[in-house]
């Protein structure tokens, strides 16, 4: 479901931080929240969504006790580790996105890490959780009608329907341009251009001196 991301869930005034090894995309947070809400609705003794989120396996099911970390969607981050994690995000590209699910204010914020060359121009995007969950419901219905269950195919449909695919392609285009401008080939072309300009200006200077 993408690559590594930091997830923050704000619920009843509390802030809960997780890392997800495959969650750096626009669909995973809303899909996982929808799964957590479904689990919550079926519980005899309801738990917080943050608690349920931390017990979601890669299969979308609730597991308590948790499965091994590699089989869980996300891993809780202890308060003492949060500053180090945030510094890692701000200075490196290990985590590609910082995603905030603010249950108290009905908001989902997607922040793309500018340290990742392919996200340098993406910035931050947001959608209300109400609209986002409604989009996920429509997407899953669409997938069910057409027999589409593969996550990456659903993600591609989601990105196209929201216009994210154009933003992502533009960001990748910027990355490719930057890579080319920093390449030896581009440096060689710039030097050839400077040499050509110098060759064209030298005769003009000589002619003016003769006059």
N, C-alpha and C. Protein backbone atom coordinates (compact mmCIF):
# COMPACT_ATOMS: atom_id res chain seq x y z
N UNK A 1 0.82 -1.19 0.00
CA UNK A 1 0.00 0.00 0.00
C UNK A 1 0.86 1.25 0.00
N UNK A 2 1.87 1.28 -0.76
CA UNK A 2 2.75 2.43 -0.78
C UNK A 2 4.02 2.11 -0.04
N UNK A 3 4.57 3.10 0.66
CA UNK A 3 5.78 2.90 1.44
C UNK A 3 5.58 3.46 2.84
N UNK A 4 6.68 3.67 3.57
CA UNK A 4 6.58 3.99 4.99
C UNK A 4 5.98 5.38 5.23
N UNK A 5 5.14 5.45 6.25
CA UNK A 5 4.48 6.70 6.60
C UNK A 5 4.32 6.80 8.10
N UNK A 6 4.20 8.04 8.57
CA UNK A 6 3.86 8.31 9.97
C UNK A 6 2.38 8.66 10.02
N UNK A 7 1.66 8.01 10.91
CA UNK A 7 0.23 8.26 11.08
C UNK A 7 -0.01 8.89 12.45
N UNK A 8 -0.84 9.91 12.47
CA UNK A 8 -1.27 10.52 13.72
C UNK A 8 -2.79 10.47 13.78
N UNK A 9 -3.31 9.95 14.87
CA UNK A 9 -4.75 9.95 15.09
C UNK A 9 -5.06 10.84 16.28
N UNK A 10 -5.91 11.82 16.04
CA UNK A 10 -6.37 12.72 17.11
C UNK A 10 -7.79 12.33 17.45
N UNK A 11 -7.99 11.92 18.70
CA UNK A 11 -9.29 11.41 19.12
C UNK A 11 -9.56 11.80 20.56
N UNK A 12 -10.67 12.46 20.78
CA UNK A 12 -11.06 12.91 22.13
C UNK A 12 -9.94 13.70 22.80
N UNK A 13 -9.29 14.55 22.04
CA UNK A 13 -8.25 15.41 22.58
C UNK A 13 -6.88 14.76 22.70
N UNK A 14 -6.79 13.46 22.47
CA UNK A 14 -5.51 12.76 22.59
C UNK A 14 -4.86 12.57 21.23
N UNK A 15 -3.54 12.49 21.24
CA UNK A 15 -2.78 12.29 20.00
C UNK A 15 -2.06 10.96 20.06
N UNK A 16 -2.26 10.15 19.04
CA UNK A 16 -1.67 8.81 18.98
C UNK A 16 -0.85 8.70 17.70
N UNK A 17 0.39 8.26 17.84
CA UNK A 17 1.32 8.19 16.70
C UNK A 17 1.64 6.74 16.36
N UNK A 18 1.66 6.46 15.07
CA UNK A 18 1.98 5.12 14.57
C UNK A 18 2.92 5.25 13.38
N UNK A 19 3.64 4.19 13.10
CA UNK A 19 4.35 4.10 11.83
C UNK A 19 3.73 2.96 11.04
N UNK A 20 3.64 3.16 9.74
CA UNK A 20 3.08 2.13 8.85
C UNK A 20 4.12 1.81 7.79
N UNK A 21 4.43 0.54 7.64
CA UNK A 21 5.47 0.17 6.69
C UNK A 21 4.98 0.19 5.26
N UNK A 22 3.67 0.17 5.05
CA UNK A 22 3.10 0.25 3.70
C UNK A 22 1.84 1.11 3.74
N UNK A 23 2.02 2.40 4.01
CA UNK A 23 0.83 3.24 4.15
C UNK A 23 0.96 4.62 3.56
N UNK A 24 2.00 4.88 2.75
CA UNK A 24 2.24 6.22 2.22
C UNK A 24 1.48 6.42 0.91
N UNK A 25 0.19 6.62 1.01
CA UNK A 25 -0.64 6.93 -0.15
C UNK A 25 -1.93 7.56 0.36
N UNK A 26 -2.76 8.03 -0.54
CA UNK A 26 -3.96 8.76 -0.13
C UNK A 26 -5.11 7.85 0.27
N UNK A 27 -5.09 6.60 -0.16
CA UNK A 27 -6.21 5.71 0.11
C UNK A 27 -6.10 4.97 1.43
N UNK A 28 -4.89 4.52 1.79
CA UNK A 28 -4.72 3.68 2.98
C UNK A 28 -5.32 4.27 4.25
N UNK A 29 -5.08 5.56 4.57
CA UNK A 29 -5.62 6.06 5.84
C UNK A 29 -7.14 6.01 5.91
N UNK A 30 -7.80 6.35 4.82
CA UNK A 30 -9.26 6.35 4.82
C UNK A 30 -9.81 4.93 4.79
N UNK A 31 -9.16 4.06 4.03
CA UNK A 31 -9.59 2.67 3.99
C UNK A 31 -9.43 2.02 5.35
N UNK A 32 -8.28 2.25 6.01
CA UNK A 32 -8.05 1.66 7.33
C UNK A 32 -9.00 2.24 8.37
N UNK A 33 -9.31 3.52 8.25
CA UNK A 33 -10.26 4.12 9.19
C UNK A 33 -11.64 3.50 8.99
N UNK A 34 -12.02 3.27 7.74
CA UNK A 34 -13.31 2.63 7.47
C UNK A 34 -13.35 1.23 8.07
N UNK A 35 -12.24 0.50 7.96
CA UNK A 35 -12.16 -0.84 8.55
C UNK A 35 -12.27 -0.76 10.07
N UNK A 36 -11.58 0.22 10.67
CA UNK A 36 -11.61 0.38 12.13
C UNK A 36 -13.03 0.71 12.60
N UNK A 37 -13.73 1.55 11.86
CA UNK A 37 -15.11 1.89 12.23
C UNK A 37 -16.03 0.68 12.13
N UNK A 38 -15.79 -0.15 11.14
CA UNK A 38 -16.59 -1.36 10.99
C UNK A 38 -16.35 -2.30 12.17
N UNK A 39 -15.09 -2.43 12.57
CA UNK A 39 -14.76 -3.26 13.74
C UNK A 39 -15.42 -2.70 14.98
N UNK A 40 -15.32 -1.38 15.15
CA UNK A 40 -15.89 -0.73 16.34
C UNK A 40 -17.40 -0.96 16.43
N UNK A 41 -18.07 -0.88 15.30
CA UNK A 41 -19.53 -1.05 15.29
C UNK A 41 -19.95 -2.45 15.71
N UNK A 42 -19.08 -3.44 15.53
CA UNK A 42 -19.42 -4.82 15.87
C UNK A 42 -18.95 -5.26 17.24
N UNK A 43 -18.35 -4.35 18.02
CA UNK A 43 -17.84 -4.71 19.35
C UNK A 43 -18.91 -4.62 20.42
N UNK A 44 -18.92 -5.59 21.31
CA UNK A 44 -19.83 -5.53 22.44
C UNK A 44 -19.40 -4.44 23.41
N UNK A 45 -18.08 -4.32 23.59
CA UNK A 45 -17.54 -3.25 24.43
C UNK A 45 -16.66 -2.37 23.54
N UNK A 46 -17.22 -1.28 23.01
CA UNK A 46 -16.51 -0.45 22.04
C UNK A 46 -15.17 0.06 22.57
N UNK A 47 -14.20 0.03 21.70
CA UNK A 47 -12.88 0.59 21.98
C UNK A 47 -12.70 1.85 21.14
N UNK A 48 -11.70 2.65 21.51
CA UNK A 48 -11.42 3.84 20.72
C UNK A 48 -10.92 3.43 19.34
N UNK A 49 -11.11 4.31 18.37
CA UNK A 49 -10.63 4.01 17.03
C UNK A 49 -9.11 3.94 16.99
N UNK A 50 -8.44 4.74 17.82
CA UNK A 50 -6.97 4.68 17.88
C UNK A 50 -6.52 3.31 18.36
N UNK A 51 -7.22 2.77 19.36
CA UNK A 51 -6.88 1.43 19.84
C UNK A 51 -7.10 0.39 18.74
N UNK A 52 -8.25 0.47 18.09
CA UNK A 52 -8.55 -0.50 17.03
C UNK A 52 -7.55 -0.39 15.89
N UNK A 53 -7.20 0.84 15.55
CA UNK A 53 -6.25 1.08 14.47
C UNK A 53 -4.94 0.35 14.74
N UNK A 54 -4.50 0.39 16.00
CA UNK A 54 -3.22 -0.24 16.35
C UNK A 54 -3.30 -1.76 16.33
N UNK A 55 -4.52 -2.29 16.21
CA UNK A 55 -4.69 -3.75 16.18
C UNK A 55 -5.19 -4.26 14.83
N UNK A 56 -5.12 -3.41 13.80
CA UNK A 56 -5.51 -3.84 12.47
C UNK A 56 -4.35 -4.55 11.80
N UNK A 57 -4.62 -5.75 11.32
CA UNK A 57 -3.59 -6.46 10.57
C UNK A 57 -3.57 -6.01 9.13
N UNK A 58 -2.58 -6.46 8.39
CA UNK A 58 -2.54 -6.17 6.96
C UNK A 58 -3.78 -6.69 6.25
N UNK A 59 -4.42 -7.67 6.87
CA UNK A 59 -5.64 -8.24 6.28
C UNK A 59 -6.88 -7.41 6.57
N UNK A 60 -6.72 -6.31 7.32
CA UNK A 60 -7.86 -5.46 7.63
C UNK A 60 -8.70 -5.94 8.79
N UNK A 61 -8.28 -7.02 9.46
CA UNK A 61 -9.02 -7.58 10.58
C UNK A 61 -8.41 -7.12 11.91
N UNK A 62 -9.24 -7.17 12.94
CA UNK A 62 -8.81 -6.79 14.29
C UNK A 62 -8.14 -7.98 14.95
N UNK A 63 -6.94 -7.74 15.48
CA UNK A 63 -6.18 -8.81 16.13
C UNK A 63 -5.73 -8.34 17.51
N UNK A 64 -6.26 -9.01 18.54
CA UNK A 64 -5.86 -8.71 19.91
C UNK A 64 -5.72 -10.03 20.67
N UNK A 65 -4.49 -10.46 20.98
CA UNK A 65 -3.25 -9.69 20.86
C UNK A 65 -2.81 -9.48 19.41
N UNK A 66 -1.92 -8.52 19.25
CA UNK A 66 -1.40 -8.20 17.94
C UNK A 66 -0.63 -9.37 17.34
N UNK A 67 -0.64 -9.42 16.03
CA UNK A 67 0.21 -10.35 15.31
C UNK A 67 1.64 -9.81 15.32
N UNK A 68 2.62 -10.56 14.82
CA UNK A 68 3.97 -9.99 14.69
C UNK A 68 3.92 -8.68 13.90
N UNK A 69 4.80 -7.75 14.24
CA UNK A 69 4.77 -6.41 13.64
C UNK A 69 4.69 -6.42 12.13
N UNK A 70 5.39 -7.36 11.50
CA UNK A 70 5.41 -7.38 10.03
C UNK A 70 4.06 -7.74 9.43
N UNK A 71 3.14 -8.28 10.26
CA UNK A 71 1.81 -8.65 9.77
C UNK A 71 0.75 -7.63 10.17
N UNK A 72 1.15 -6.57 10.87
CA UNK A 72 0.23 -5.52 11.28
C UNK A 72 0.35 -4.33 10.34
N UNK A 73 -0.75 -3.59 10.19
CA UNK A 73 -0.69 -2.42 9.32
C UNK A 73 0.22 -1.35 9.89
N UNK A 74 0.14 -1.12 11.20
CA UNK A 74 0.95 -0.07 11.80
C UNK A 74 1.46 -0.48 13.18
N UNK A 75 2.45 0.27 13.65
CA UNK A 75 3.06 0.01 14.96
C UNK A 75 2.98 1.27 15.81
N UNK A 76 2.49 1.17 17.04
CA UNK A 76 2.41 2.35 17.91
C UNK A 76 3.80 2.90 18.24
N UNK A 77 3.88 4.20 18.38
CA UNK A 77 5.13 4.88 18.73
C UNK A 77 4.99 5.44 20.14
N UNK A 78 5.92 5.08 21.01
CA UNK A 78 5.89 5.56 22.38
C UNK A 78 6.15 7.08 22.42
N UNK A 79 5.54 7.79 23.38
CA UNK A 79 5.74 9.24 23.48
C UNK A 79 7.20 9.66 23.49
N UNK A 80 8.06 8.90 24.15
CA UNK A 80 9.47 9.26 24.24
C UNK A 80 10.18 9.19 22.89
N UNK A 81 9.60 8.49 21.94
CA UNK A 81 10.23 8.32 20.62
C UNK A 81 9.73 9.31 19.58
N UNK A 82 8.73 10.09 19.94
CA UNK A 82 8.06 10.91 18.93
C UNK A 82 8.94 12.03 18.38
N UNK A 83 9.69 12.69 19.24
CA UNK A 83 10.53 13.78 18.75
C UNK A 83 11.58 13.27 17.77
N UNK A 84 12.20 12.15 18.11
CA UNK A 84 13.21 11.56 17.22
C UNK A 84 12.59 11.18 15.88
N UNK A 85 11.39 10.64 15.93
CA UNK A 85 10.70 10.26 14.70
C UNK A 85 10.39 11.48 13.84
N UNK A 86 9.93 12.56 14.47
CA UNK A 86 9.62 13.77 13.74
C UNK A 86 10.87 14.38 13.10
N UNK A 87 11.97 14.36 13.83
CA UNK A 87 13.24 14.86 13.29
C UNK A 87 13.69 14.01 12.10
N UNK A 88 13.49 12.72 12.20
CA UNK A 88 13.83 11.82 11.10
C UNK A 88 13.02 12.16 9.87
N UNK A 89 11.75 12.44 10.08
CA UNK A 89 10.87 12.80 8.96
C UNK A 89 11.31 14.11 8.32
N UNK A 90 11.66 15.09 9.13
CA UNK A 90 12.00 16.42 8.62
C UNK A 90 13.35 16.46 7.92
N UNK A 91 14.24 15.53 8.26
CA UNK A 91 15.60 15.60 7.75
C UNK A 91 15.94 14.53 6.71
N UNK A 92 15.11 13.51 6.61
CA UNK A 92 15.43 12.40 5.72
C UNK A 92 14.19 11.96 4.95
N UNK A 93 14.35 10.95 4.13
CA UNK A 93 13.24 10.46 3.31
C UNK A 93 12.79 9.06 3.70
N UNK A 94 13.15 8.62 4.91
CA UNK A 94 12.76 7.28 5.35
C UNK A 94 11.24 7.12 5.37
N UNK A 95 10.56 8.16 5.81
CA UNK A 95 9.10 8.16 5.85
C UNK A 95 8.60 9.14 4.80
N UNK A 96 7.80 8.65 3.87
CA UNK A 96 7.43 9.44 2.71
C UNK A 96 6.27 10.39 2.97
N UNK A 97 5.44 10.07 3.96
CA UNK A 97 4.29 10.91 4.24
C UNK A 97 4.03 11.00 5.73
N UNK A 98 3.40 12.11 6.14
CA UNK A 98 2.89 12.27 7.50
C UNK A 98 1.39 12.47 7.34
N UNK A 99 0.62 11.53 7.87
CA UNK A 99 -0.83 11.52 7.68
C UNK A 99 -1.52 11.73 9.01
N UNK A 100 -2.42 12.71 9.05
CA UNK A 100 -3.16 13.01 10.28
C UNK A 100 -4.64 12.74 10.08
N UNK A 101 -5.18 11.87 10.91
CA UNK A 101 -6.62 11.63 10.95
C UNK A 101 -7.15 12.30 12.20
N UNK A 102 -7.74 13.48 12.02
CA UNK A 102 -8.25 14.26 13.14
C UNK A 102 -9.73 13.95 13.31
N UNK A 103 -10.01 13.01 14.18
CA UNK A 103 -11.40 12.59 14.40
C UNK A 103 -12.21 13.66 15.10
N UNK A 104 -11.53 14.52 15.84
CA UNK A 104 -12.23 15.57 16.58
C UNK A 104 -12.71 16.69 15.68
N UNK A 105 -12.03 16.89 14.55
CA UNK A 105 -12.37 17.99 13.66
C UNK A 105 -12.69 17.52 12.23
N UNK A 106 -12.98 16.23 12.09
CA UNK A 106 -13.43 15.68 10.80
C UNK A 106 -12.47 16.02 9.66
N UNK A 107 -11.18 15.78 9.87
CA UNK A 107 -10.21 16.17 8.86
C UNK A 107 -9.15 15.09 8.65
N UNK A 108 -8.80 14.90 7.39
CA UNK A 108 -7.68 14.03 7.03
C UNK A 108 -6.67 14.88 6.29
N UNK A 109 -5.46 14.97 6.82
CA UNK A 109 -4.40 15.76 6.21
C UNK A 109 -3.29 14.85 5.71
N UNK A 110 -2.91 15.04 4.46
CA UNK A 110 -1.84 14.27 3.84
C UNK A 110 -0.66 15.20 3.57
N UNK A 111 0.43 14.99 4.27
CA UNK A 111 1.64 15.79 4.06
C UNK A 111 2.69 14.91 3.38
N UNK A 112 3.16 15.37 2.23
CA UNK A 112 4.15 14.62 1.46
C UNK A 112 5.54 15.14 1.80
N UNK A 113 6.44 14.23 2.13
CA UNK A 113 7.78 14.61 2.59
C UNK A 113 8.60 15.19 1.43
N UNK A 114 8.96 16.49 1.50
CA UNK A 114 9.74 17.10 0.41
C UNK A 114 11.15 16.54 0.29
N UNK A 115 11.60 15.79 1.31
CA UNK A 115 12.91 15.14 1.20
C UNK A 115 12.89 13.98 0.20
N UNK A 116 11.69 13.52 -0.16
CA UNK A 116 11.54 12.51 -1.20
C UNK A 116 11.46 13.23 -2.54
N UNK A 117 12.41 13.04 -3.42
CA UNK A 117 12.42 13.78 -4.69
C UNK A 117 11.12 13.69 -5.46
N UNK A 118 10.45 12.54 -5.41
CA UNK A 118 9.22 12.34 -6.18
C UNK A 118 8.02 13.03 -5.55
N UNK A 119 8.18 13.59 -4.34
CA UNK A 119 7.09 14.32 -3.68
C UNK A 119 7.44 15.79 -3.43
N UNK A 120 8.54 16.26 -3.96
CA UNK A 120 9.06 17.58 -3.58
C UNK A 120 8.04 18.70 -3.78
N UNK A 121 7.21 18.59 -4.80
CA UNK A 121 6.27 19.67 -5.10
C UNK A 121 4.84 19.38 -4.63
N UNK A 122 4.64 18.29 -3.90
CA UNK A 122 3.27 17.90 -3.54
C UNK A 122 2.67 18.73 -2.41
N UNK A 123 3.49 19.08 -1.42
CA UNK A 123 2.97 19.85 -0.29
C UNK A 123 2.02 19.05 0.57
N UNK A 124 0.94 19.70 1.03
CA UNK A 124 -0.05 19.04 1.88
C UNK A 124 -1.44 19.17 1.27
N UNK A 125 -2.22 18.13 1.42
CA UNK A 125 -3.60 18.11 0.93
C UNK A 125 -4.51 17.67 2.07
N UNK A 126 -5.75 18.09 2.03
CA UNK A 126 -6.67 17.67 3.08
C UNK A 126 -8.07 17.44 2.52
N UNK A 127 -8.82 16.62 3.23
CA UNK A 127 -10.20 16.31 2.89
C UNK A 127 -10.93 16.03 4.19
N UNK A 128 -12.20 16.32 4.24
CA UNK A 128 -12.94 15.97 5.46
C UNK A 128 -13.04 14.45 5.53
N UNK A 129 -13.05 13.94 6.74
CA UNK A 129 -13.20 12.50 6.90
C UNK A 129 -14.55 12.03 6.38
N UNK A 130 -15.55 12.86 6.52
CA UNK A 130 -16.88 12.51 6.02
C UNK A 130 -16.85 12.27 4.52
N UNK A 131 -16.25 13.21 3.79
CA UNK A 131 -16.16 13.06 2.34
C UNK A 131 -15.23 11.92 1.95
N UNK A 132 -14.11 11.81 2.66
CA UNK A 132 -13.14 10.76 2.35
C UNK A 132 -13.71 9.37 2.53
N UNK A 133 -14.42 9.16 3.63
CA UNK A 133 -15.02 7.84 3.88
C UNK A 133 -16.13 7.54 2.88
N UNK A 134 -16.86 8.58 2.47
CA UNK A 134 -17.90 8.39 1.44
C UNK A 134 -17.25 7.98 0.12
N UNK A 135 -16.10 8.60 -0.20
CA UNK A 135 -15.38 8.23 -1.42
C UNK A 135 -14.91 6.78 -1.38
N UNK A 136 -14.42 6.36 -0.21
CA UNK A 136 -13.95 4.98 -0.07
C UNK A 136 -15.12 4.00 -0.24
N UNK A 137 -16.26 4.34 0.32
CA UNK A 137 -17.43 3.47 0.19
C UNK A 137 -17.82 3.31 -1.29
N UNK A 138 -17.81 4.43 -2.02
CA UNK A 138 -18.13 4.38 -3.45
C UNK A 138 -17.09 3.56 -4.21
N UNK A 139 -15.83 3.75 -3.84
CA UNK A 139 -14.74 3.02 -4.50
C UNK A 139 -14.89 1.52 -4.30
N UNK A 140 -15.18 1.10 -3.08
CA UNK A 140 -15.32 -0.33 -2.79
C UNK A 140 -16.54 -0.91 -3.50
N UNK A 141 -17.61 -0.13 -3.59
CA UNK A 141 -18.78 -0.59 -4.33
C UNK A 141 -18.45 -0.76 -5.81
N UNK A 142 -17.70 0.21 -6.34
CA UNK A 142 -17.27 0.14 -7.73
C UNK A 142 -16.40 -1.09 -7.96
N UNK A 143 -15.48 -1.33 -7.04
CA UNK A 143 -14.62 -2.49 -7.16
C UNK A 143 -15.38 -3.79 -7.08
N UNK A 144 -16.36 -3.84 -6.16
CA UNK A 144 -17.14 -5.07 -6.01
C UNK A 144 -17.96 -5.36 -7.27
N UNK A 145 -18.52 -4.32 -7.87
CA UNK A 145 -19.31 -4.50 -9.09
C UNK A 145 -18.48 -5.06 -10.23
N UNK A 146 -17.19 -4.68 -10.25
CA UNK A 146 -16.31 -5.08 -11.36
C UNK A 146 -15.32 -6.17 -10.98
N UNK A 147 -15.46 -6.69 -9.78
CA UNK A 147 -14.59 -7.77 -9.35
C UNK A 147 -13.15 -7.33 -9.11
N UNK A 148 -12.98 -6.06 -8.71
CA UNK A 148 -11.63 -5.54 -8.46
C UNK A 148 -11.36 -5.58 -6.95
N UNK A 149 -10.38 -6.40 -6.57
CA UNK A 149 -10.02 -6.51 -5.15
C UNK A 149 -8.57 -6.10 -4.89
N UNK A 150 -7.76 -6.05 -5.93
CA UNK A 150 -6.35 -5.69 -5.77
C UNK A 150 -6.22 -4.25 -5.29
N UNK A 151 -5.48 -4.06 -4.20
CA UNK A 151 -5.38 -2.73 -3.61
C UNK A 151 -4.81 -1.72 -4.59
N UNK A 152 -3.76 -2.08 -5.30
CA UNK A 152 -3.09 -1.12 -6.17
C UNK A 152 -3.97 -0.70 -7.34
N UNK A 153 -4.83 -1.58 -7.80
CA UNK A 153 -5.79 -1.21 -8.84
C UNK A 153 -6.83 -0.24 -8.28
N UNK A 154 -7.27 -0.50 -7.06
CA UNK A 154 -8.22 0.41 -6.41
C UNK A 154 -7.56 1.77 -6.16
N UNK A 155 -6.29 1.75 -5.76
CA UNK A 155 -5.57 3.00 -5.52
C UNK A 155 -5.46 3.81 -6.80
N UNK A 156 -5.18 3.16 -7.92
CA UNK A 156 -5.07 3.86 -9.20
C UNK A 156 -6.40 4.51 -9.57
N UNK A 157 -7.51 3.80 -9.33
CA UNK A 157 -8.83 4.36 -9.61
C UNK A 157 -9.09 5.56 -8.70
N UNK A 158 -8.74 5.42 -7.43
CA UNK A 158 -8.94 6.51 -6.46
C UNK A 158 -8.14 7.74 -6.86
N UNK A 159 -6.88 7.55 -7.21
CA UNK A 159 -6.03 8.68 -7.59
C UNK A 159 -6.58 9.39 -8.83
N UNK A 160 -7.06 8.61 -9.80
CA UNK A 160 -7.62 9.23 -11.01
C UNK A 160 -8.89 9.99 -10.70
N UNK A 161 -9.74 9.41 -9.87
CA UNK A 161 -11.04 10.04 -9.59
C UNK A 161 -10.89 11.31 -8.76
N UNK A 162 -9.83 11.42 -7.98
CA UNK A 162 -9.63 12.61 -7.15
C UNK A 162 -8.68 13.63 -7.79
N UNK A 163 -8.07 13.27 -8.93
CA UNK A 163 -7.12 14.17 -9.57
C UNK A 163 -5.72 14.08 -9.00
N UNK A 164 -5.53 13.21 -8.03
CA UNK A 164 -4.19 13.05 -7.44
C UNK A 164 -3.18 12.52 -8.44
N UNK A 165 -3.65 11.74 -9.41
CA UNK A 165 -2.72 11.17 -10.38
C UNK A 165 -1.98 12.25 -11.16
N UNK A 166 -2.68 13.36 -11.46
CA UNK A 166 -2.05 14.46 -12.19
C UNK A 166 -1.02 15.17 -11.31
N UNK A 167 -1.34 15.36 -10.04
CA UNK A 167 -0.39 15.99 -9.13
C UNK A 167 0.85 15.13 -8.94
N UNK A 168 0.64 13.83 -8.81
CA UNK A 168 1.77 12.91 -8.62
C UNK A 168 2.65 12.86 -9.87
N UNK A 169 2.02 12.86 -11.04
CA UNK A 169 2.81 12.83 -12.27
C UNK A 169 3.58 14.13 -12.46
N UNK A 170 2.96 15.25 -12.08
CA UNK A 170 3.66 16.53 -12.15
C UNK A 170 4.87 16.54 -11.23
N UNK A 171 4.70 15.97 -10.03
CA UNK A 171 5.82 15.91 -9.08
C UNK A 171 6.93 15.02 -9.61
N UNK A 172 6.55 13.92 -10.23
CA UNK A 172 7.57 13.03 -10.82
C UNK A 172 8.28 13.71 -11.99
N UNK A 173 7.52 14.52 -12.76
CA UNK A 173 8.13 15.26 -13.85
C UNK A 173 9.14 16.27 -13.33
N UNK A 174 8.80 16.93 -12.23
CA UNK A 174 9.75 17.87 -11.61
C UNK A 174 11.00 17.15 -11.14
N UNK A 175 10.82 15.94 -10.59
CA UNK A 175 11.97 15.15 -10.14
C UNK A 175 12.87 14.79 -11.33
N UNK A 176 12.24 14.37 -12.44
CA UNK A 176 13.04 13.99 -13.61
C UNK A 176 13.79 15.18 -14.17
N UNK A 177 13.14 16.36 -14.16
CA UNK A 177 13.82 17.57 -14.64
C UNK A 177 14.99 17.93 -13.75
N UNK A 178 14.78 17.85 -12.43
CA UNK A 178 15.85 18.15 -11.48
C UNK A 178 17.01 17.19 -11.65
N UNK A 179 16.68 15.91 -11.82
CA UNK A 179 17.73 14.91 -12.02
C UNK A 179 18.53 15.20 -13.28
N UNK A 180 17.82 15.62 -14.34
CA UNK A 180 18.53 15.91 -15.58
C UNK A 180 19.43 17.14 -15.42
N UNK A 181 18.88 18.19 -14.78
CA UNK A 181 19.67 19.41 -14.61
C UNK A 181 20.92 19.17 -13.77
N UNK A 182 20.87 18.18 -12.90
CA UNK A 182 22.02 17.86 -12.05
C UNK A 182 22.94 16.82 -12.69
N UNK A 183 22.59 16.35 -13.87
CA UNK A 183 23.34 15.26 -14.49
C UNK A 183 24.58 15.76 -15.23
N UNK A 184 25.57 14.88 -15.45
CA UNK A 184 26.76 15.26 -16.25
C UNK A 184 26.38 15.68 -17.66
N UNK A 185 25.34 15.05 -18.22
CA UNK A 185 24.91 15.41 -19.58
C UNK A 185 24.46 16.86 -19.64
N UNK A 186 23.67 17.28 -18.64
CA UNK A 186 23.20 18.66 -18.63
C UNK A 186 24.36 19.62 -18.43
N UNK A 187 25.32 19.26 -17.56
CA UNK A 187 26.50 20.11 -17.34
C UNK A 187 27.30 20.25 -18.63
N UNK A 188 27.40 19.16 -19.37
CA UNK A 188 28.13 19.20 -20.65
C UNK A 188 27.42 20.12 -21.65
N UNK A 189 26.09 20.03 -21.70
CA UNK A 189 25.32 20.88 -22.61
C UNK A 189 25.47 22.35 -22.24
N UNK A 190 25.46 22.65 -20.95
CA UNK A 190 25.62 24.04 -20.52
C UNK A 190 27.00 24.57 -20.92
N UNK A 191 28.03 23.73 -20.76
CA UNK A 191 29.38 24.15 -21.12
C UNK A 191 29.50 24.37 -22.63
N UNK A 192 28.89 23.50 -23.41
CA UNK A 192 28.91 23.66 -24.86
C UNK A 192 28.23 24.96 -25.27
N UNK A 193 27.13 25.29 -24.58
CA UNK A 193 26.42 26.54 -24.89
C UNK A 193 27.29 27.74 -24.55
N UNK A 194 27.96 27.70 -23.39
CA UNK A 194 28.83 28.82 -23.01
C UNK A 194 29.98 28.98 -24.01
N UNK A 195 30.54 27.85 -24.44
CA UNK A 195 31.62 27.90 -25.42
C UNK A 195 31.13 28.49 -26.73
N UNK A 196 29.92 28.11 -27.12
CA UNK A 196 29.36 28.62 -28.37
C UNK A 196 29.12 30.12 -28.29
N UNK A 197 28.61 30.58 -27.16
CA UNK A 197 28.38 32.02 -26.98
C UNK A 197 29.69 32.78 -27.05
N UNK A 198 30.72 32.25 -26.40
CA UNK A 198 32.02 32.90 -26.41
C UNK A 198 32.58 32.98 -27.83
N UNK A 199 32.42 31.90 -28.60
CA UNK A 199 32.92 31.88 -29.97
C UNK A 199 32.21 32.91 -30.83
N UNK A 200 30.93 33.14 -30.56
CA UNK A 200 30.17 34.09 -31.37
C UNK A 200 30.46 35.53 -31.00
N UNK A 201 30.82 35.79 -29.76
CA UNK A 201 31.06 37.16 -29.32
C UNK A 201 32.46 37.64 -29.61
N UNK A 202 33.43 36.72 -29.68
CA UNK A 202 34.82 37.12 -29.91
C UNK A 202 35.00 37.85 -31.24
N UNK A 203 34.49 37.37 -32.38
CA UNK A 203 34.64 38.10 -33.64
C UNK A 203 34.00 39.48 -33.60
N UNK A 204 32.85 39.60 -32.92
CA UNK A 204 32.19 40.89 -32.83
C UNK A 204 33.07 41.89 -32.09
N UNK A 205 33.71 41.43 -31.03
CA UNK A 205 34.59 42.31 -30.26
C UNK A 205 35.77 42.76 -31.10
N UNK A 206 36.34 41.83 -31.85
CA UNK A 206 37.48 42.16 -32.70
C UNK A 206 37.07 43.18 -33.76
N UNK A 207 35.88 43.02 -34.34
CA UNK A 207 35.42 43.92 -35.39
C UNK A 207 35.22 45.31 -34.83
N UNK A 208 34.68 45.41 -33.66
CA UNK A 208 34.45 46.72 -33.04
C UNK A 208 35.76 47.41 -32.72
N UNK A 209 36.77 46.63 -32.32
CA UNK A 209 38.07 47.22 -32.02
C UNK A 209 38.71 47.78 -33.28
N UNK A 210 38.53 47.08 -34.45
CA UNK A 210 39.10 47.55 -35.70
C UNK A 210 38.46 48.86 -36.13
N UNK A 211 37.17 49.01 -35.88
CA UNK A 211 36.51 50.27 -36.23
C UNK A 211 37.03 51.41 -35.36
